[in-house]
PDB file of N, CA and C in Angstrom:
ATOM      1  N   MET A   1      -1.759 -25.175 -65.212  1.00  0.00           N
ATOM      2  CA  MET A   1      -3.262 -25.395 -65.327  1.00  0.00           C
ATOM      3  C   MET A   1      -3.381 -25.725 -64.137  1.00  0.00           C
ATOM      4  N   LEU A   2      -4.662 -25.263 -63.434  1.00  0.00           N
ATOM      5  CA  LEU A   2      -4.924 -25.967 -62.536  1.00  0.00           C
ATOM      6  C   LEU A   2      -6.583 -26.816 -62.869  1.00  0.00           C
ATOM      7  N   VAL A   3      -7.187 -26.118 -63.602  1.00  0.00           N
ATOM      8  CA  VAL A   3      -8.714 -26.495 -63.779  1.00  0.00           C
ATOM      9  C   VAL A   3      -8.872 -25.890 -65.798  1.00  0.00           C
ATOM     10  N   PRO A   4      -8.840 -26.852 -66.444  1.00  0.00           N
ATOM     11  CA  PRO A   4      -9.536 -26.619 -67.315  1.00  0.00           C
ATOM     12  C   PRO A   4     -10.435 -25.572 -67.410  1.00  0.00           C
ATOM     13  N   LYS A   5      -9.865 -24.610 -68.872  1.00  0.00           N
ATOM     14  CA  LYS A   5     -10.639 -23.382 -68.965  1.00  0.00           C
ATOM     15  C   LYS A   5     -12.022 -24.613 -69.853  1.00  0.00           C
ATOM     16  N   ALA A   6     -13.040 -23.217 -69.447  1.00  0.00           N
ATOM     17  CA  ALA A   6     -14.334 -23.675 -70.211  1.00  0.00           C
ATOM     18  C   ALA A   6     -13.978 -23.509 -72.193  1.00  0.00           C
ATOM     19  N   SER A   7     -13.358 -22.524 -72.220  1.00  0.00           N
ATOM     20  CA  SER A   7     -12.409 -22.407 -73.701  1.00  0.00           C
ATOM     21  C   SER A   7     -12.041 -23.340 -74.180  1.00  0.00           C
ATOM     22  N   ASP A   8     -11.220 -24.300 -73.609  1.00  0.00           N
ATOM     23  CA  ASP A   8     -10.249 -24.835 -73.942  1.00  0.00           C
ATOM     24  C   ASP A   8     -11.302 -26.571 -74.460  1.00  0.00           C
ATOM     25  N   LEU A   9     -11.719 -26.104 -75.793  1.00  0.00           N
ATOM     26  CA  LEU A   9     -12.950 -27.253 -76.466  1.00  0.00           C
ATOM     27  C   LEU A   9     -11.762 -28.627 -76.292  1.00  0.00           C
ATOM     28  N   ASP A  10     -10.324 -28.581 -76.310  1.00  0.00           N
ATOM     29  CA  ASP A  10      -9.779 -30.059 -76.404  1.00  0.00           C
ATOM     30  C   ASP A  10      -9.662 -30.770 -74.909  1.00  0.00           C
ATOM     31  N   VAL A  11     -10.103 -29.953 -74.091  1.00  0.00           N
ATOM     32  CA  VAL A  11     -10.224 -30.713 -72.577  1.00  0.00           C
ATOM     33  C   VAL A  11     -11.220 -30.941 -72.339  1.00  0.00           C
ATOM     34  N   ARG A  12     -11.112 -32.099 -71.971  1.00  0.00           N
ATOM     35  CA  ARG A  12     -12.642 -33.120 -71.543  1.00  0.00           C
ATOM     36  C   ARG A  12     -12.820 -33.132 -70.013  1.00  0.00           C
ATOM     37  N   TRP A  13     -13.813 -32.718 -69.762  1.00  0.00           N
ATOM     38  CA  TRP A  13     -13.905 -32.765 -68.262  1.00  0.00           C
ATOM     39  C   TRP A  13     -14.475 -33.798 -67.457  1.00  0.00           C
ATOM     40  N   ASN A  14     -13.283 -34.553 -67.431  1.00  0.00           N
ATOM     41  CA  ASN A  14     -13.669 -36.237 -66.853  1.00  0.00           C
ATOM     42  C   ASN A  14     -13.362 -36.261 -65.590  1.00  0.00           C
ATOM     43  N   LYS A  15     -13.287 -37.653 -65.062  1.00  0.00           N
ATOM     44  CA  LYS A  15     -12.563 -37.482 -63.947  1.00  0.00           C
ATOM     45  C   LYS A  15     -11.543 -37.633 -63.786  1.00  0.00           C
ATOM     46  N   GLY A  16     -10.445 -38.331 -64.454  1.00  0.00           N
ATOM     47  CA  GLY A  16      -8.837 -38.309 -64.812  1.00  0.00           C
ATOM     48  C   GLY A  16      -8.312 -36.931 -64.859  1.00  0.00           C
ATOM     49  N   THR A  17      -9.155 -35.668 -65.444  1.00  0.00           N
ATOM     50  CA  THR A  17      -8.964 -34.503 -65.516  1.00  0.00           C
ATOM     51  C   THR A  17      -9.116 -33.794 -64.400  1.00  0.00           C
ATOM     52  N   ILE A  18      -9.961 -34.375 -63.533  1.00  0.00           N
ATOM     53  CA  ILE A  18     -10.199 -33.440 -62.381  1.00  0.00           C
ATOM     54  C   ILE A  18      -9.212 -34.159 -61.192  1.00  0.00           C
ATOM     55  N   LEU A  19      -9.442 -35.279 -61.226  1.00  0.00           N
ATOM     56  CA  LEU A  19      -8.488 -35.595 -60.014  1.00  0.00           C
ATOM     57  C   LEU A  19      -6.920 -35.511 -60.209  1.00  0.00           C
ATOM     58  N   LYS A  20      -6.205 -35.353 -61.938  1.00  0.00           N
ATOM     59  CA  LYS A  20      -5.075 -34.438 -61.681  1.00  0.00           C
ATOM     60  C   LYS A  20      -4.870 -33.004 -61.535  1.00  0.00           C
ATOM     61  N   ALA A  21      -5.880 -32.377 -61.980  1.00  0.00           N
ATOM     62  CA  ALA A  21      -5.457 -31.190 -61.250  1.00  0.00           C
ATOM     63  C   ALA A  21      -5.680 -30.770 -59.839  1.00  0.00           C
ATOM     64  N   SER A  22      -6.422 -32.153 -59.231  1.00  0.00           N
ATOM     65  CA  SER A  22      -6.936 -31.767 -57.917  1.00  0.00           C
ATOM     66  C   SER A  22      -5.583 -32.018 -57.372  1.00  0.00           C
ATOM     67  N   VAL A  23      -4.569 -33.041 -57.732  1.00  0.00           N
ATOM     68  CA  VAL A  23      -3.116 -33.617 -57.060  1.00  0.00           C
ATOM     69  C   VAL A  23      -2.496 -32.322 -57.289  1.00  0.00           C
ATOM     70  N   ASP A  24      -2.479 -32.268 -58.580  1.00  0.00           N
ATOM     71  CA  ASP A  24      -1.927 -30.930 -58.521  1.00  0.00           C
ATOM     72  C   ASP A  24      -1.726 -29.676 -57.599  1.00  0.00           C
ATOM     73  N   TYR A  25      -3.350 -29.150 -57.486  1.00  0.00           N
ATOM     74  CA  TYR A  25      -3.475 -28.478 -56.423  1.00  0.00           C
ATOM     75  C   TYR A  25      -3.117 -28.555 -55.380  1.00  0.00           C
ATOM     76  N   ILE A  26      -3.397 -29.869 -54.992  1.00  0.00           N
ATOM     77  CA  ILE A  26      -2.702 -30.456 -53.333  1.00  0.00           C
ATOM     78  C   ILE A  26      -1.250 -30.224 -53.115  1.00  0.00           C
ATOM     79  N   ARG A  27      -0.526 -30.816 -54.541  1.00  0.00           N
ATOM     80  CA  ARG A  27       0.891 -30.813 -54.396  1.00  0.00           C
ATOM     81  C   ARG A  27       1.510 -29.132 -53.694  1.00  0.00           C
ATOM     82  N   ARG A  28       0.978 -28.053 -54.690  1.00  0.00           N
ATOM     83  CA  ARG A  28       1.279 -27.015 -54.977  1.00  0.00           C
ATOM     84  C   ARG A  28       0.604 -26.595 -53.342  1.00  0.00           C
ATOM     85  N   MET A  29       0.016 -26.894 -52.638  1.00  0.00           N
ATOM     86  CA  MET A  29      -0.718 -26.000 -51.511  1.00  0.00           C
ATOM     87  C   MET A  29       0.633 -26.888 -50.536  1.00  0.00           C
ATOM     88  N   GLN A  30       1.080 -27.826 -50.616  1.00  0.00           N
ATOM     89  CA  GLN A  30       1.936 -28.604 -49.767  1.00  0.00           C
ATOM     90  C   GLN A  30       3.364 -27.834 -50.011  1.00  0.00           C
ATOM     91  N   LYS A  31       3.787 -27.372 -50.826  1.00  0.00           N
ATOM     92  CA  LYS A  31       5.082 -26.859 -50.905  1.00  0.00           C
ATOM     93  C   LYS A  31       5.257 -25.284 -50.770  1.00  0.00           C
ATOM     94  N   ASP A  32       3.686 -24.636 -50.726  1.00  0.00           N
ATOM     95  CA  ASP A  32       3.638 -23.329 -49.943  1.00  0.00           C
ATOM     96  C   ASP A  32       3.690 -23.587 -48.639  1.00  0.00           C
ATOM     97  N   LEU A  33       3.057 -24.901 -48.034  1.00  0.00           N
ATOM     98  CA  LEU A  33       3.078 -25.270 -46.858  1.00  0.00           C
ATOM     99  C   LEU A  33       4.453 -25.105 -46.175  1.00  0.00           C
ATOM    100  N   GLN A  34       5.221 -25.711 -46.896  1.00  0.00           N
ATOM    101  CA  GLN A  34       6.357 -26.345 -46.592  1.00  0.00           C
ATOM    102  C   GLN A  34       7.309 -24.978 -46.950  1.00  0.00           C
ATOM    103  N   LYS A  35       7.115 -24.285 -47.452  1.00  0.00           N
ATOM    104  CA  LYS A  35       7.591 -22.646 -47.657  1.00  0.00           C
ATOM    105  C   LYS A  35       7.656 -22.270 -46.347  1.00  0.00           C
ATOM    106  N   SER A  36       6.392 -22.119 -46.163  1.00  0.00           N
ATOM    107  CA  SER A  36       6.036 -20.785 -44.845  1.00  0.00           C
ATOM    108  C   SER A  36       6.365 -21.271 -43.881  1.00  0.00           C
ATOM    109  N   ARG A  37       6.373 -23.215 -43.224  1.00  0.00           N
ATOM    110  CA  ARG A  37       7.079 -22.939 -42.503  1.00  0.00           C
ATOM    111  C   ARG A  37       8.221 -23.033 -42.187  1.00  0.00           C
ATOM    112  N   GLU A  38       9.130 -23.218 -43.085  1.00  0.00           N
ATOM    113  CA  GLU A  38      10.744 -23.109 -43.241  1.00  0.00           C
ATOM    114  C   GLU A  38      11.049 -21.111 -43.172  1.00  0.00           C
ATOM    115  N   LEU A  39      10.426 -20.604 -43.606  1.00  0.00           N
ATOM    116  CA  LEU A  39      10.281 -19.265 -43.542  1.00  0.00           C
ATOM    117  C   LEU A  39      10.160 -18.583 -41.914  1.00  0.00           C
ATOM    118  N   GLU A  40       8.705 -19.332 -41.673  1.00  0.00           N
ATOM    119  CA  GLU A  40       8.229 -19.265 -39.774  1.00  0.00           C
ATOM    120  C   GLU A  40       9.408 -19.650 -38.897  1.00  0.00           C
ATOM    121  N   ASN A  41      10.368 -20.658 -39.470  1.00  0.00           N
ATOM    122  CA  ASN A  41      11.258 -21.316 -38.337  1.00  0.00           C
ATOM    123  C   ASN A  41      12.627 -20.127 -38.736  1.00  0.00           C
ATOM    124  N   HIS A  42      12.734 -20.019 -39.874  1.00  0.00           N
ATOM    125  CA  HIS A  42      13.976 -19.022 -39.969  1.00  0.00           C
ATOM    126  C   HIS A  42      13.841 -18.098 -39.451  1.00  0.00           C
ATOM    127  N   SER A  43      12.599 -17.139 -38.944  1.00  0.00           N
ATOM    128  CA  SER A  43      12.313 -16.094 -38.558  1.00  0.00           C
ATOM    129  C   SER A  43      12.553 -16.543 -36.912  1.00  0.00           C
ATOM    130  N   ARG A  44      12.142 -17.514 -36.147  1.00  0.00           N
ATOM    131  CA  ARG A  44      12.106 -17.387 -35.302  1.00  0.00           C
ATOM    132  C   ARG A  44      13.641 -17.475 -34.709  1.00  0.00           C
ATOM    133  N   ARG A  45      14.405 -18.242 -35.178  1.00  0.00           N
ATOM    134  CA  ARG A  45      15.969 -18.454 -35.343  1.00  0.00           C
ATOM    135  C   ARG A  45      16.585 -16.924 -35.568  1.00  0.00           C
ATOM    136  N   LEU A  46      16.231 -16.037 -35.831  1.00  0.00           N
ATOM    137  CA  LEU A  46      16.857 -15.026 -36.080  1.00  0.00           C
ATOM    138  C   LEU A  46      16.511 -13.942 -35.067  1.00  0.00           C
ATOM    139  N   GLU A  47      15.096 -14.090 -34.594  1.00  0.00           N
ATOM    140  CA  GLU A  47      14.560 -13.465 -33.330  1.00  0.00           C
ATOM    141  C   GLU A  47      15.902 -13.993 -32.169  1.00  0.00           C
ATOM    142  N   MET A  48      15.823 -15.337 -31.918  1.00  0.00           N
ATOM    143  CA  MET A  48      16.496 -15.582 -31.163  1.00  0.00           C
ATOM    144  C   MET A  48      17.984 -14.817 -30.793  1.00  0.00           C
ATOM    145  N   THR A  49      18.489 -14.958 -31.569  1.00  0.00           N
ATOM    146  CA  THR A  49      19.850 -14.773 -32.120  1.00  0.00           C
ATOM    147  C   THR A  49      20.081 -13.357 -31.646  1.00  0.00           C
ATOM    148  N   ASN A  50      18.983 -12.537 -32.390  1.00  0.00           N
ATOM    149  CA  ASN A  50      18.892 -11.172 -31.926  1.00  0.00           C
ATOM    150  C   ASN A  50      18.581 -10.247 -30.285  1.00  0.00           C
ATOM    151  N   LYS A  51      17.993 -11.702 -29.711  1.00  0.00           N
ATOM    152  CA  LYS A  51      17.760 -11.834 -28.262  1.00  0.00           C
ATOM    153  C   LYS A  51      18.676 -12.095 -27.413  1.00  0.00           C
ATOM    154  N   GLN A  52      19.869 -13.257 -28.253  1.00  0.00           N
ATOM    155  CA  GLN A  52      21.018 -13.561 -27.510  1.00  0.00           C
ATOM    156  C   GLN A  52      21.913 -12.180 -27.733  1.00  0.00           C
ATOM    157  N   LEU A  53      21.924 -11.529 -28.870  1.00  0.00           N
ATOM    158  CA  LEU A  53      23.013 -10.548 -28.905  1.00  0.00           C
ATOM    159  C   LEU A  53      22.795  -9.609 -27.949  1.00  0.00           C
ATOM    160  N   TRP A  54      21.500  -9.533 -27.902  1.00  0.00           N
ATOM    161  CA  TRP A  54      20.698  -8.205 -27.356  1.00  0.00           C
ATOM    162  C   TRP A  54      21.137  -8.381 -25.252  1.00  0.00           C
ATOM    163  N   LEU A  55      20.945  -9.597 -24.970  1.00  0.00           N
ATOM    164  CA  LEU A  55      21.771  -9.388 -23.712  1.00  0.00           C
ATOM    165  C   LEU A  55      23.067  -9.904 -23.502  1.00  0.00           C
ATOM    166  N   HIS A  56      23.687 -10.002 -24.513  1.00  0.00           N
ATOM    167  CA  HIS A  56      24.904  -9.846 -24.509  1.00  0.00           C
ATOM    168  C   HIS A  56      25.529  -8.580 -24.264  1.00  0.00           C
ATOM    169  N   HIS A  57      25.212  -7.588 -25.154  1.00  0.00           N
ATOM    170  CA  HIS A  57      25.034  -6.118 -25.577  1.00  0.00           C
ATOM    171  C   HIS A  57      24.274  -5.514 -25.062  1.00  0.00           C
ATOM    172  N   PRO A  58      23.626  -4.905 -23.903  1.00  0.00           N
ATOM    173  CA  PRO A  58      22.025  -4.439 -23.535  1.00  0.00           C
ATOM    174  C   PRO A  58      22.044  -3.109 -23.683  1.00  0.00           C
ATOM    175  N   HIS A  59      23.460  -2.878 -23.588  1.00  0.00           N
ATOM    176  CA  HIS A  59      23.624  -1.118 -23.252  1.00  0.00           C
ATOM    177  C   HIS A  59      24.094  -0.700 -25.285  1.00  0.00           C
ATOM    178  N   SER A  60      24.138  -1.215 -25.326  1.00  0.00           N
ATOM    179  CA  SER A  60      24.769  -0.904 -27.110  1.00  0.00           C
ATOM    180  C   SER A  60      23.367  -0.484 -27.593  1.00  0.00           C
ATOM    181  N   THR A  61      23.409   0.369 -28.929  1.00  0.00           N
ATOM    182  CA  THR A  61      22.453   0.683 -29.716  1.00  0.00           C
ATOM    183  C   THR A  61      22.557   0.762 -30.891  1.00  0.00           C
ATOM    184  N   ILE A  62      21.413   0.490 -31.609  1.00  0.00           N
ATOM    185  CA  ILE A  62      21.857   0.588 -33.449  1.00  0.00           C
ATOM    186  C   ILE A  62      21.974   2.335 -33.638  1.00  0.00           C
ATOM    187  N   TRP A  63      21.329   3.392 -33.121  1.00  0.00           N
ATOM    188  CA  TRP A  63      20.722   4.010 -33.690  1.00  0.00           C
ATOM    189  C   TRP A  63      21.825   5.113 -33.203  1.00  0.00           C
ATOM    190  N   THR A  64      23.129   4.823 -33.193  1.00  0.00           N
ATOM    191  CA  THR A  64      24.369   5.875 -32.579  1.00  0.00           C
ATOM    192  C   THR A  64      24.552   6.522 -34.037  1.00  0.00           C
TER     193      THR A  64
END
């Protein structure tokens, strides 16, 4: 739960609740950013590997 719903009568909108929701949201965004960076790095490594393989075998083709 990032932000309490208006229907949650037991949850009060106080500074602590808002701060906790903000911290949780920031942590989730940081994890998402880290995952995105890892995927981008993995993609770059795959591209480099593909390029190296192609340079070693320029006349071979996948569609034979």
